[in-house]
Amino acid sequence: MELGSGTGAVGICATAFEPSVLYLTDLEDYIKILEVNMEKNNAAAHGCLRVSKLAWGNLQDIDLISGIDTIIGS
């Protein structure tokens, strides 16, 4: 999972490590650009990219973190 992905560049590069799933997360305002960049890069990333809204302090959003074994902060 990449926290505060912005454009998703770091998370997209992290797909070189071949994760089964890699979540690109950020606030609602950044989700559209993340979705666009995911669509452009997901084939090269073997379909592992997912986009999700994540705002610290929001309990519903924070539930997404359970089960995540690596977190990238960029």
N, C-alpha and C. Protein backbone atom coordinates (compact mmCIF):
# COMPACT_ATOMS: atom_id res chain seq x y z
N MET A 1 0.84 -1.16 0.00
CA MET A 1 0.00 0.00 0.00
C MET A 1 0.89 1.23 0.00
N GLU A 2 0.57 2.17 -0.88
CA GLU A 2 1.24 3.46 -0.86
C GLU A 2 0.29 4.49 -0.27
N LEU A 3 0.73 5.15 0.78
CA LEU A 3 -0.07 6.20 1.42
C LEU A 3 0.25 7.54 0.78
N GLY A 4 -0.76 8.34 0.56
CA GLY A 4 -0.54 9.66 -0.03
C GLY A 4 0.08 9.55 -1.41
N SER A 5 -0.53 8.77 -2.27
CA SER A 5 0.06 8.44 -3.57
C SER A 5 0.19 9.60 -4.53
N GLY A 6 -0.68 10.60 -4.42
CA GLY A 6 -0.62 11.71 -5.39
C GLY A 6 -0.89 11.20 -6.79
N THR A 7 0.13 11.16 -7.63
CA THR A 7 -0.03 10.65 -9.00
C THR A 7 0.15 9.14 -9.08
N GLY A 8 0.69 8.53 -8.02
CA GLY A 8 0.89 7.09 -7.99
C GLY A 8 2.23 6.62 -8.52
N ALA A 9 3.13 7.55 -8.83
CA ALA A 9 4.41 7.18 -9.45
C ALA A 9 5.22 6.20 -8.61
N VAL A 10 5.33 6.44 -7.31
CA VAL A 10 6.13 5.56 -6.46
C VAL A 10 5.50 4.17 -6.39
N GLY A 11 4.19 4.12 -6.20
CA GLY A 11 3.50 2.84 -6.13
C GLY A 11 3.60 2.07 -7.44
N ILE A 12 3.49 2.77 -8.55
CA ILE A 12 3.60 2.11 -9.85
C ILE A 12 5.00 1.53 -10.01
N CYS A 13 6.01 2.26 -9.60
CA CYS A 13 7.39 1.74 -9.65
C CYS A 13 7.56 0.53 -8.72
N ALA A 14 6.85 0.53 -7.61
CA ALA A 14 6.95 -0.57 -6.64
C ALA A 14 6.38 -1.87 -7.20
N THR A 15 5.63 -1.81 -8.29
CA THR A 15 5.11 -3.04 -8.88
C THR A 15 6.23 -3.89 -9.48
N ALA A 16 7.42 -3.32 -9.60
CA ALA A 16 8.58 -4.10 -10.07
C ALA A 16 8.91 -5.24 -9.10
N PHE A 17 8.46 -5.11 -7.84
CA PHE A 17 8.67 -6.17 -6.85
C PHE A 17 7.59 -7.26 -6.92
N GLU A 18 6.68 -7.12 -7.90
CA GLU A 18 5.64 -8.10 -8.19
C GLU A 18 4.74 -8.45 -7.01
N PRO A 19 4.11 -7.43 -6.39
CA PRO A 19 3.16 -7.74 -5.32
C PRO A 19 1.90 -8.36 -5.91
N SER A 20 1.17 -9.09 -5.09
CA SER A 20 -0.10 -9.66 -5.58
C SER A 20 -1.14 -8.55 -5.74
N VAL A 21 -1.14 -7.58 -4.82
CA VAL A 21 -2.02 -6.41 -4.89
C VAL A 21 -1.25 -5.22 -4.33
N LEU A 22 -1.38 -4.07 -4.97
CA LEU A 22 -0.76 -2.85 -4.47
C LEU A 22 -1.81 -1.74 -4.52
N TYR A 23 -2.20 -1.26 -3.34
CA TYR A 23 -3.19 -0.18 -3.25
C TYR A 23 -2.50 1.17 -3.35
N LEU A 24 -3.00 2.02 -4.24
CA LEU A 24 -2.60 3.42 -4.32
C LEU A 24 -3.68 4.19 -3.58
N THR A 25 -3.32 4.89 -2.51
CA THR A 25 -4.33 5.57 -1.70
C THR A 25 -4.03 7.05 -1.56
N ASP A 26 -5.08 7.81 -1.42
CA ASP A 26 -4.97 9.24 -1.15
C ASP A 26 -6.35 9.78 -0.79
N LEU A 27 -6.40 11.07 -0.59
CA LEU A 27 -7.67 11.73 -0.30
C LEU A 27 -8.55 11.76 -1.54
N GLU A 28 -9.82 11.99 -1.34
CA GLU A 28 -10.82 11.99 -2.42
C GLU A 28 -10.41 12.86 -3.62
N ASP A 29 -9.80 14.01 -3.36
CA ASP A 29 -9.42 14.94 -4.44
C ASP A 29 -8.42 14.35 -5.42
N TYR A 30 -7.68 13.33 -5.03
CA TYR A 30 -6.63 12.76 -5.87
C TYR A 30 -7.00 11.43 -6.52
N ILE A 31 -8.17 10.93 -6.23
CA ILE A 31 -8.56 9.61 -6.71
C ILE A 31 -8.65 9.56 -8.24
N LYS A 32 -9.16 10.60 -8.88
CA LYS A 32 -9.31 10.57 -10.35
C LYS A 32 -7.97 10.42 -11.05
N ILE A 33 -6.95 11.20 -10.63
CA ILE A 33 -5.64 11.08 -11.27
C ILE A 33 -5.02 9.72 -11.00
N LEU A 34 -5.25 9.18 -9.80
CA LEU A 34 -4.75 7.84 -9.50
C LEU A 34 -5.42 6.80 -10.41
N GLU A 35 -6.71 6.93 -10.62
CA GLU A 35 -7.42 5.98 -11.48
C GLU A 35 -6.92 6.06 -12.92
N VAL A 36 -6.69 7.27 -13.41
CA VAL A 36 -6.18 7.44 -14.77
C VAL A 36 -4.80 6.79 -14.91
N ASN A 37 -3.92 7.07 -13.96
CA ASN A 37 -2.57 6.51 -14.02
C ASN A 37 -2.56 5.01 -13.81
N MET A 38 -3.47 4.50 -12.97
CA MET A 38 -3.59 3.06 -12.79
C MET A 38 -3.99 2.40 -14.11
N GLU A 39 -4.99 2.96 -14.78
CA GLU A 39 -5.45 2.39 -16.05
C GLU A 39 -4.34 2.37 -17.09
N LYS A 40 -3.51 3.41 -17.10
CA LYS A 40 -2.42 3.49 -18.08
C LYS A 40 -1.29 2.52 -17.76
N ASN A 41 -1.15 2.10 -16.52
CA ASN A 41 -0.01 1.30 -16.10
C ASN A 41 -0.35 -0.10 -15.59
N ASN A 42 -1.61 -0.42 -15.43
CA ASN A 42 -1.99 -1.67 -14.78
C ASN A 42 -1.59 -2.90 -15.60
N ALA A 43 -1.63 -2.82 -16.91
CA ALA A 43 -1.24 -3.98 -17.73
C ALA A 43 0.23 -4.32 -17.50
N ALA A 44 1.08 -3.30 -17.48
CA ALA A 44 2.51 -3.51 -17.24
C ALA A 44 2.75 -3.99 -15.80
N ALA A 45 1.84 -3.64 -14.90
CA ALA A 45 1.96 -4.03 -13.48
C ALA A 45 1.26 -5.36 -13.21
N HIS A 46 0.92 -6.10 -14.27
CA HIS A 46 0.29 -7.42 -14.16
C HIS A 46 -1.05 -7.36 -13.42
N GLY A 47 -1.75 -6.22 -13.53
CA GLY A 47 -3.09 -6.09 -12.96
C GLY A 47 -3.15 -6.00 -11.45
N CYS A 48 -2.03 -5.72 -10.79
CA CYS A 48 -2.03 -5.74 -9.32
C CYS A 48 -2.46 -4.41 -8.69
N LEU A 49 -2.56 -3.33 -9.48
CA LEU A 49 -2.88 -2.03 -8.90
C LEU A 49 -4.35 -1.87 -8.56
N ARG A 50 -4.61 -1.25 -7.42
CA ARG A 50 -5.96 -0.88 -6.98
C ARG A 50 -5.89 0.54 -6.46
N VAL A 51 -6.96 1.28 -6.60
CA VAL A 51 -7.03 2.65 -6.08
C VAL A 51 -8.08 2.70 -4.99
N SER A 52 -7.76 3.38 -3.90
CA SER A 52 -8.71 3.51 -2.81
C SER A 52 -8.52 4.83 -2.09
N LYS A 53 -9.65 5.43 -1.71
CA LYS A 53 -9.63 6.64 -0.89
C LYS A 53 -9.20 6.24 0.51
N LEU A 54 -8.29 7.01 1.09
CA LEU A 54 -7.86 6.73 2.46
C LEU A 54 -7.56 8.05 3.15
N ALA A 55 -8.34 8.34 4.17
CA ALA A 55 -8.13 9.56 4.98
C ALA A 55 -7.89 9.12 6.41
N TRP A 56 -6.73 9.48 6.94
CA TRP A 56 -6.43 9.13 8.34
C TRP A 56 -7.47 9.75 9.26
N GLY A 57 -7.91 8.96 10.22
CA GLY A 57 -8.92 9.41 11.15
C GLY A 57 -10.31 8.97 10.77
N ASN A 58 -10.50 8.55 9.53
CA ASN A 58 -11.79 8.04 9.08
C ASN A 58 -11.78 6.52 9.28
N LEU A 59 -12.56 6.04 10.24
CA LEU A 59 -12.52 4.63 10.60
C LEU A 59 -12.89 3.70 9.45
N GLN A 60 -13.81 4.12 8.59
CA GLN A 60 -14.17 3.29 7.45
C GLN A 60 -13.00 3.16 6.48
N ASP A 61 -12.29 4.24 6.25
CA ASP A 61 -11.14 4.20 5.35
C ASP A 61 -10.00 3.39 5.97
N ILE A 62 -9.79 3.54 7.25
CA ILE A 62 -8.69 2.87 7.92
C ILE A 62 -8.87 1.35 7.93
N ASP A 63 -10.11 0.86 7.83
CA ASP A 63 -10.35 -0.58 7.77
C ASP A 63 -9.62 -1.22 6.58
N LEU A 64 -9.35 -0.44 5.54
CA LEU A 64 -8.64 -0.95 4.38
C LEU A 64 -7.24 -1.45 4.74
N ILE A 65 -6.64 -0.89 5.78
CA ILE A 65 -5.27 -1.21 6.13
C ILE A 65 -5.11 -2.61 6.71
N SER A 66 -6.13 -3.15 7.32
CA SER A 66 -5.99 -4.47 7.94
C SER A 66 -5.59 -5.49 6.87
N GLY A 67 -4.60 -6.29 7.20
CA GLY A 67 -4.12 -7.31 6.26
C GLY A 67 -3.00 -6.83 5.35
N ILE A 68 -2.65 -5.58 5.42
CA ILE A 68 -1.56 -5.03 4.60
C ILE A 68 -0.24 -5.34 5.28
N ASP A 69 0.73 -5.86 4.53
CA ASP A 69 2.00 -6.21 5.16
C ASP A 69 3.13 -5.21 4.90
N THR A 70 2.97 -4.32 3.91
CA THR A 70 3.98 -3.31 3.62
C THR A 70 3.29 -2.01 3.28
N ILE A 71 3.77 -0.93 3.91
CA ILE A 71 3.22 0.39 3.66
C ILE A 71 4.34 1.30 3.17
N ILE A 72 4.11 1.97 2.05
CA ILE A 72 5.06 2.93 1.49
C ILE A 72 4.50 4.33 1.75
N GLY A 73 5.28 5.17 2.37
CA GLY A 73 4.89 6.58 2.55
C GLY A 73 5.78 7.43 1.68
N SER A 74 5.18 8.16 0.76
CA SER A 74 6.01 8.97 -0.13
C SER A 74 5.50 10.39 -0.18
